[in-house]
C-alpha atoms as a PDB file:
ATOM      1  CA  MET A   1       0.049   0.032  -0.044  1.00  0.00           C
ATOM      2  CA  VAL A   2       1.378   3.350  -1.151  1.00  0.00           C
ATOM      3  CA  ARG A   3       0.032   6.668   0.128  1.00  0.00           C
ATOM      4  CA  GLY A   4       0.439   9.867  -1.878  1.00  0.00           C
ATOM      5  CA  ASP A   5       0.368  13.541  -0.567  1.00  0.00           C
ATOM      6  CA  ASP A   6      -3.159  14.319  -1.641  1.00  0.00           C
ATOM      7  CA  LEU A   7      -5.186  11.397  -0.331  1.00  0.00           C
ATOM      8  CA  LYS A   8      -4.144   9.293  -3.324  1.00  0.00           C
ATOM      9  CA  ILE A   9      -3.526   5.628  -2.426  1.00  0.00           C
ATOM     10  CA  ARG A  10      -2.371   2.502  -4.341  1.00  0.00           C
ATOM     11  CA  PHE A  11      -2.881  -1.013  -3.127  1.00  0.00           C
ATOM     12  CA  ASP A  12      -3.207  -4.487  -4.515  1.00  0.00           C
ATOM     13  CA  VAL A  13      -6.298  -6.713  -4.142  1.00  0.00           C
ATOM     14  CA  THR A  14      -6.155 -10.415  -4.562  1.00  0.00           C
ATOM     15  CA  ASP A  15      -8.575 -13.203  -4.869  1.00  0.00           C
ATOM     16  CA  GLY A  16      -5.947 -15.886  -4.039  1.00  0.00           C
ATOM     17  CA  ASN A  17      -5.209 -16.558  -7.675  1.00  0.00           C
ATOM     18  CA  ARG A  18      -4.120 -13.204  -9.135  1.00  0.00           C
ATOM     19  CA  ASP A  19      -3.513  -9.730  -7.868  1.00  0.00           C
ATOM     20  CA  ILE A  20      -5.090  -6.486  -9.238  1.00  0.00           C
ATOM     21  CA  ALA A  21      -3.505  -2.992  -8.641  1.00  0.00           C
ATOM     22  CA  VAL A  22      -6.132  -0.378  -7.408  1.00  0.00           C
ATOM     23  CA  ALA A  23      -5.834   3.328  -7.322  1.00  0.00           C
ATOM     24  CA  TYR A  24      -8.090   5.516  -5.114  1.00  0.00           C
ATOM     25  CA  GLN A  25      -8.349   9.202  -4.157  1.00  0.00           C
ATOM     26  CA  GLY A  26     -10.240  10.022  -0.982  1.00  0.00           C
ATOM     27  CA  VAL A  27     -10.733   8.983   2.593  1.00  0.00           C
ATOM     28  CA  LEU A  28     -10.634   5.355   3.249  1.00  0.00           C
ATOM     29  CA  PRO A  29     -13.151   3.495   5.532  1.00  0.00           C
ATOM     30  CA  ASP A  30     -12.224   3.028   9.213  1.00  0.00           C
ATOM     31  CA  LEU A  31     -11.938  -0.741   8.774  1.00  0.00           C
ATOM     32  CA  PHE A  32      -9.675  -0.580   5.781  1.00  0.00           C
ATOM     33  CA  ARG A  33      -6.457  -2.346   6.667  1.00  0.00           C
ATOM     34  CA  GLU A  34      -4.201  -4.974   5.196  1.00  0.00           C
ATOM     35  CA  GLY A  35      -5.501  -8.518   5.334  1.00  0.00           C
ATOM     36  CA  GLN A  36      -9.088  -7.304   5.535  1.00  0.00           C
ATOM     37  CA  GLY A  37     -11.673  -7.884   2.771  1.00  0.00           C
ATOM     38  CA  VAL A  38     -12.392  -4.901   0.496  1.00  0.00           C
ATOM     39  CA  VAL A  39     -14.916  -4.023  -2.193  1.00  0.00           C
ATOM     40  CA  ALA A  40     -13.988  -1.571  -4.829  1.00  0.00           C
ATOM     41  CA  GLU A  41     -16.239   0.014  -7.301  1.00  0.00           C
ATOM     42  CA  GLY A  42     -14.762   1.682 -10.397  1.00  0.00           C
ATOM     43  CA  ALA A  43     -13.356   0.771 -13.795  1.00  0.00           C
ATOM     44  CA  LEU A  44     -10.311  -0.956 -15.137  1.00  0.00           C
ATOM     45  CA  ASP A  45      -8.144   1.219 -17.293  1.00  0.00           C
ATOM     46  CA  SER A  46      -6.217   0.049 -20.380  1.00  0.00           C
ATOM     47  CA  GLY A  47      -2.989  -0.481 -18.607  1.00  0.00           C
ATOM     48  CA  GLY A  48      -4.641  -2.969 -16.014  1.00  0.00           C
ATOM     49  CA  LEU A  49      -4.958  -0.531 -13.128  1.00  0.00           C
ATOM     50  CA  PHE A  50      -8.358  -0.572 -11.357  1.00  0.00           C
ATOM     51  CA  ASP A  51      -9.397   3.112 -10.756  1.00  0.00           C
ATOM     52  CA  ALA A  52     -11.819   2.982  -7.849  1.00  0.00           C
ATOM     53  CA  ASP A  53     -14.440   5.650  -7.313  1.00  0.00           C
ATOM     54  CA  THR A  54     -15.634   3.957  -4.000  1.00  0.00           C
ATOM     55  CA  ILE A  55     -13.871   1.720  -1.462  1.00  0.00           C
ATOM     56  CA  LEU A  56     -15.966  -0.326   1.011  1.00  0.00           C
ATOM     57  CA  ALA A  57     -14.179  -2.304   3.714  1.00  0.00           C
ATOM     58  CA  LYS A  58     -15.685  -5.636   4.589  1.00  0.00           C
ATOM     59  CA  HIS A  59     -15.969  -6.554   8.231  1.00  0.00           C
ATOM     60  CA  ASP A  60     -16.689  -9.572  10.395  1.00  0.00           C
ATOM     61  CA  GLU A  61     -20.137 -10.456  11.813  1.00  0.00           C
ATOM     62  CA  ASN A  62     -19.493  -8.668  15.075  1.00  0.00           C
ATOM     63  CA  TYR A  63     -18.809  -5.239  13.383  1.00  0.00           C
ATOM     64  CA  MET A  64     -21.236  -2.489  14.030  1.00  0.00           C
ATOM     65  CA  PRO A  65     -20.859   1.122  12.748  1.00  0.00           C
ATOM     66  CA  LYS A  66     -20.615   3.695  15.449  1.00  0.00           C
ATOM     67  CA  GLU A  67     -23.851   5.313  14.518  1.00  0.00           C
ATOM     68  CA  LEU A  68     -25.716   1.937  14.715  1.00  0.00           C
ATOM     69  CA  LYS A  69     -24.000   1.188  18.083  1.00  0.00           C
ATOM     70  CA  ASP A  70     -25.217   4.688  19.299  1.00  0.00           C
ATOM     71  CA  ALA A  71     -28.667   4.066  18.041  1.00  0.00           C
ATOM     72  CA  MET A  72     -28.719   0.625  19.611  1.00  0.00           C
ATOM     73  CA  ALA A  73     -27.576   1.995  22.906  1.00  0.00           C
ATOM     74  CA  LYS A  74     -30.494   4.497  22.714  1.00  0.00           C
ATOM     75  CA  VAL A  75     -32.952   1.771  21.982  1.00  0.00           C
ATOM     76  CA  GLU A  76     -31.573  -0.219  24.871  1.00  0.00           C
ATOM     77  CA  TYR A  77     -31.818   2.824  27.199  1.00  0.00           C
ATOM     78  CA  GLY A  78     -35.391   3.498  25.985  1.00  0.00           C
ATOM     79  CA  SER A  79     -36.365  -0.055  26.476  1.00  0.00           C
ATOM     80  CA  THR A  80     -35.015  -0.050  29.923  1.00  0.00           C
ATOM     81  CA  GLN A  81     -37.014   3.095  30.695  1.00  0.00           C
ATOM     82  CA  VAL A  82     -40.148   1.580  29.233  1.00  0.00           C
ATOM     83  CA  ASN A  83     -39.619  -1.521  31.461  1.00  0.00           C
ATOM     84  CA  ARG A  84     -39.182   0.716  34.527  1.00  0.00           C
ATOM     85  CA  SER A  85     -42.227   2.686  33.631  1.00  0.00           C
ATOM     86  CA  GLY A  86     -44.232  -0.576  33.258  1.00  0.00           C
ATOM     87  CA  GLU A  87     -42.995  -1.667  36.696  1.00  0.00           C
ATOM     88  CA  THR A  88     -43.965   1.656  38.126  1.00  0.00           C
ATOM     89  CA  LEU A  89     -47.383   1.584  36.480  1.00  0.00           C
ATOM     90  CA  HIS A  90     -47.931  -2.033  38.028  1.00  0.00           C
ATOM     91  CA  GLN A  91     -46.979  -0.514  41.370  1.00  0.00           C
ATOM     92  CA  ILE A  92     -49.392   2.350  40.907  1.00  0.00           C
ATOM     93  CA  VAL A  93     -52.202  -0.047  39.867  1.00  0.00           C
ATOM     94  CA  ASP A  94     -51.521  -2.278  42.893  1.00  0.00           C
ATOM     95  CA  ALA A  95     -51.508   0.854  45.207  1.00  0.00           C
ATOM     96  CA  VAL A  96     -54.819   2.035  43.567  1.00  0.00           C
ATOM     97  CA  LYS A  97     -56.253  -1.381  44.151  1.00  0.00           C
ATOM     98  CA  GLY A  98     -55.250  -1.199  47.866  1.00  0.00           C
ATOM     99  CA  VAL A  99     -56.858   2.229  48.112  1.00  0.00           C
ATOM    100  CA  ALA A 100     -59.966   0.961  46.566  1.00  0.00           C
ATOM    101  CA  ALA A 101     -60.028  -1.931  49.058  1.00  0.00           C
ATOM    102  CA  VAL A 102     -59.668   0.602  51.978  1.00  0.00           C
ATOM    103  CA  VAL A 103     -62.434   2.732  50.554  1.00  0.00           C
ATOM    104  CA  SER A 104     -64.661  -0.307  50.110  1.00  0.00           C
ATOM    105  CA  GLU A 105     -63.910  -1.242  53.842  1.00  0.00           C
ATOM    106  CA  ILE A 106     -64.736   2.284  54.952  1.00  0.00           C
ATOM    107  CA  SER A 107     -67.936   2.179  52.921  1.00  0.00           C
ATOM    108  CA  ASN A 108     -68.952  -1.121  54.487  1.00  0.00           C
ATOM    109  CA  ALA A 109     -68.192   0.215  58.005  1.00  0.00           C
ATOM    110  CA  CYS A 110     -70.261   3.341  57.323  1.00  0.00           C
ATOM    111  CA  SER A 111     -73.108   1.106  56.135  1.00  0.00           C
ATOM    112  CA  GLU A 112     -72.874  -0.986  59.265  1.00  0.00           C
ATOM    113  CA  GLN A 113     -72.796   2.203  61.456  1.00  0.00           C
ATOM    114  CA  ALA A 114     -75.859   3.532  59.690  1.00  0.00           C
ATOM    115  CA  LEU A 115     -77.719   0.298  60.264  1.00  0.00           C
ATOM    116  CA  ALA A 116     -76.674   0.365  63.958  1.00  0.00           C
ATOM    117  CA  ILE A 117     -77.768   4.013  64.230  1.00  0.00           C
ATOM    118  CA  ASP A 118     -81.117   3.021  62.733  1.00  0.00           C
ATOM    119  CA  ASN A 119     -81.440   0.242  65.268  1.00  0.00           C
ATOM    120  CA  VAL A 120     -80.601   2.567  68.124  1.00  0.00           C
ATOM    121  CA  ASN A 121     -83.173   5.112  66.775  1.00  0.00           C
ATOM    122  CA  SER A 122     -85.871   2.375  66.577  1.00  0.00           C
ATOM    123  CA  ALA A 123     -84.953   1.320  70.109  1.00  0.00           C
ATOM    124  CA  VAL A 124     -85.163   4.898  71.439  1.00  0.00           C
ATOM    125  CA  THR A 125     -88.537   5.385  69.603  1.00  0.00           C
ATOM    126  CA  SER A 126     -89.868   2.098  71.183  1.00  0.00           C
ATOM    127  CA  VAL A 127     -88.625   3.151  74.697  1.00  0.00           C
ATOM    128  CA  ASP A 128     -90.235   6.584  74.078  1.00  0.00           C
ATOM    129  CA  MET A 129     -93.585   4.982  73.115  1.00  0.00           C
ATOM    130  CA  VAL A 130     -93.458   2.628  76.138  1.00  0.00           C
ATOM    131  CA  THR A 131     -92.660   5.575  78.484  1.00  0.00           C
ATOM    132  CA  GLN A 132     -95.606   7.579  77.080  1.00  0.00           C
ATOM    133  CA  SER A 133     -97.799   4.615  77.429  1.00  0.00           C
ATOM    134  CA  ASN A 134     -96.640   4.069  81.006  1.00  0.00           C
ATOM    135  CA  ALA A 135     -97.277   7.832  81.780  1.00  0.00           C
ATOM    136  CA  ALA A 136    -100.771   7.588  80.340  1.00  0.00           C
ATOM    137  CA  GLN A 137    -101.495   4.406  82.357  1.00  0.00           C
ATOM    138  CA  SER A 138     -99.985   6.034  85.510  1.00  0.00           C
ATOM    139  CA  GLU A 139    -102.191   9.139  84.986  1.00  0.00           C
ATOM    140  CA  GLU A 140    -105.194   6.823  84.405  1.00  0.00           C
ATOM    141  CA  LEU A 141    -104.334   4.800  87.596  1.00  0.00           C
ATOM    142  CA  SER A 142    -103.941   8.028  89.621  1.00  0.00           C
ATOM    143  CA  SER A 143    -107.314   9.248  88.470  1.00  0.00           C
ATOM    144  CA  THR A 144    -108.855   5.783  89.271  1.00  0.00           C
ATOM    145  CA  ALA A 145    -107.148   5.864  92.674  1.00  0.00           C
ATOM    146  CA  LYS A 146    -108.569   9.330  93.480  1.00  0.00           C
ATOM    147  CA  GLN A 147    -112.031   8.268  92.349  1.00  0.00           C
ATOM    148  CA  LEU A 148    -111.751   5.115  94.615  1.00  0.00           C
ATOM    149  CA  LEU A 149    -110.695   7.293  97.472  1.00  0.00           C
ATOM    150  CA  SER A 150    -113.632   9.580  96.870  1.00  0.00           C
ATOM    151  CA  ASN A 151    -116.110   6.689  96.560  1.00  0.00           C
ATOM    152  CA  SER A 152    -114.723   5.191  99.749  1.00  0.00           C
ATOM    153  CA  ALA A 153    -115.294   8.360 101.661  1.00  0.00           C
ATOM    154  CA  GLU A 154    -118.878   8.521 100.389  1.00  0.00           C
ATOM    155  CA  LEU A 155    -119.476   4.840 101.178  1.00  0.00           C
ATOM    156  CA  GLU A 156    -118.094   5.443 104.697  1.00  0.00           C
ATOM    157  CA  ALA A 157    -120.444   8.319 105.231  1.00  0.00           C
ATOM    158  CA  MET A 158    -123.425   6.259 104.018  1.00  0.00           C
ATOM    159  CA  VAL A 159    -122.584   3.228 106.079  1.00  0.00           C
ATOM    160  CA  SER A 160    -122.150   5.166 109.285  1.00  0.00           C
ATOM    161  CA  SER A 161    -125.804   6.302 109.187  1.00  0.00           C
ATOM    162  CA  PHE A 162    -127.179   2.664 109.290  1.00  0.00           C
ATOM    163  CA  ARG A 163    -128.037   0.875 112.634  1.00  0.00           C
ATOM    164  CA  ILE A 164    -128.430  -2.923 113.171  1.00  0.00           C
ATOM    165  CA  ASP A 165    -130.506  -4.719 115.944  1.00  0.00           C
ATOM    166  CA  GLY A 166    -128.525  -3.323 118.737  1.00  0.00           C
ATOM    167  CA  GLY A 167    -129.317   0.180 117.902  1.00  0.00           C
ATOM    168  CA  GLY A 168    -125.661   0.941 117.545  1.00  0.00           C
ATOM    169  CA  LYS A 169    -123.842   1.900 114.613  1.00  0.00           C
ATOM    170  CA  THR A 170    -122.605  -0.913 112.207  1.00  0.00           C
ATOM    171  CA  SER A 171    -119.145  -1.269 110.767  1.00  0.00           C
ATOM    172  CA  SER A 172    -118.588  -1.240 107.082  1.00  0.00           C
ATOM    173  CA  ALA A 173    -117.712  -4.982 107.268  1.00  0.00           C
ATOM    174  CA  GLN A 174    -121.260  -5.901 108.326  1.00  0.00           C
ATOM    175  CA  ILE A 175    -123.127  -4.540 105.317  1.00  0.00           C
ATOM    176  CA  ALA A 176    -122.985  -4.988 101.617  1.00  0.00           C
ATOM    177  CA  VAL A 177    -120.037  -3.001 100.047  1.00  0.00           C
ATOM    178  CA  ARG A 178    -119.952  -1.918  96.566  1.00  0.00           C
ATOM    179  CA  THR A 179    -116.345  -1.601  94.930  1.00  0.00           C
ATOM    180  CA  VAL A 180    -115.433  -0.113  91.662  1.00  0.00           C
ATOM    181  CA  VAL A 181    -112.827  -2.317  89.893  1.00  0.00           C
ATOM    182  CA  HIS A 182    -111.783  -1.394  86.366  1.00  0.00           C
ATOM    183  CA  GLY A 183    -114.841   0.733  85.869  1.00  0.00           C
ATOM    184  CA  LYS A 184    -117.416  -2.033  86.591  1.00  0.00           C
ATOM    185  CA  LEU A 185    -119.773  -2.059  89.590  1.00  0.00           C
ATOM    186  CA  VAL A 186    -119.298  -5.229  91.537  1.00  0.00           C
ATOM    187  CA  THR A 187    -121.415  -6.135  94.546  1.00  0.00           C
ATOM    188  CA  ARG A 188    -120.030  -8.254  97.374  1.00  0.00           C
ATOM    189  CA  GLN A 189    -121.735  -9.551 100.478  1.00  0.00           C
ATOM    190  CA  ALA A 190    -119.905  -8.977 103.654  1.00  0.00           C
ATOM    191  CA  GLY A 191    -119.545 -12.194 105.670  1.00  0.00           C
END
């Protein structure tokens, strides 16, 4: 390989059977080196020199151009970020499910409390009704007791005016006594 002053280069290419002299002017690919495969595009002149317009260096299966390496690194980074985002979204979904479960438990507890409050209200209403009924019955009993007391005083006054064989006054136990019970008149014979 011979380099000139103005980016001119001459080298030989072989296919294993014969050598061909190649001339090229320009910047050579990064992978261009002795012993590596090369593809030259151009024309063969009359003197047997191949005048190349383009030189492409062959590379092994592991070679990757820098631009492609950079693009692949970006894709890899983006893929990693997408995976992390997916994991984060799963965590958010799990957290939202946890919050929904807590809200559901709170809702159930509120429903149970509302039912308990309704039961307490019903019990208080029942106690109030019983209290009002008791008050009415107590008032009625008080009125009945006053009436009995009044009837008893009248009866005592009536009985004290009667006399039996001895000319003396009789006791209330010796004559018929009328008693008011539950609003019905009942006659008993004294014994």
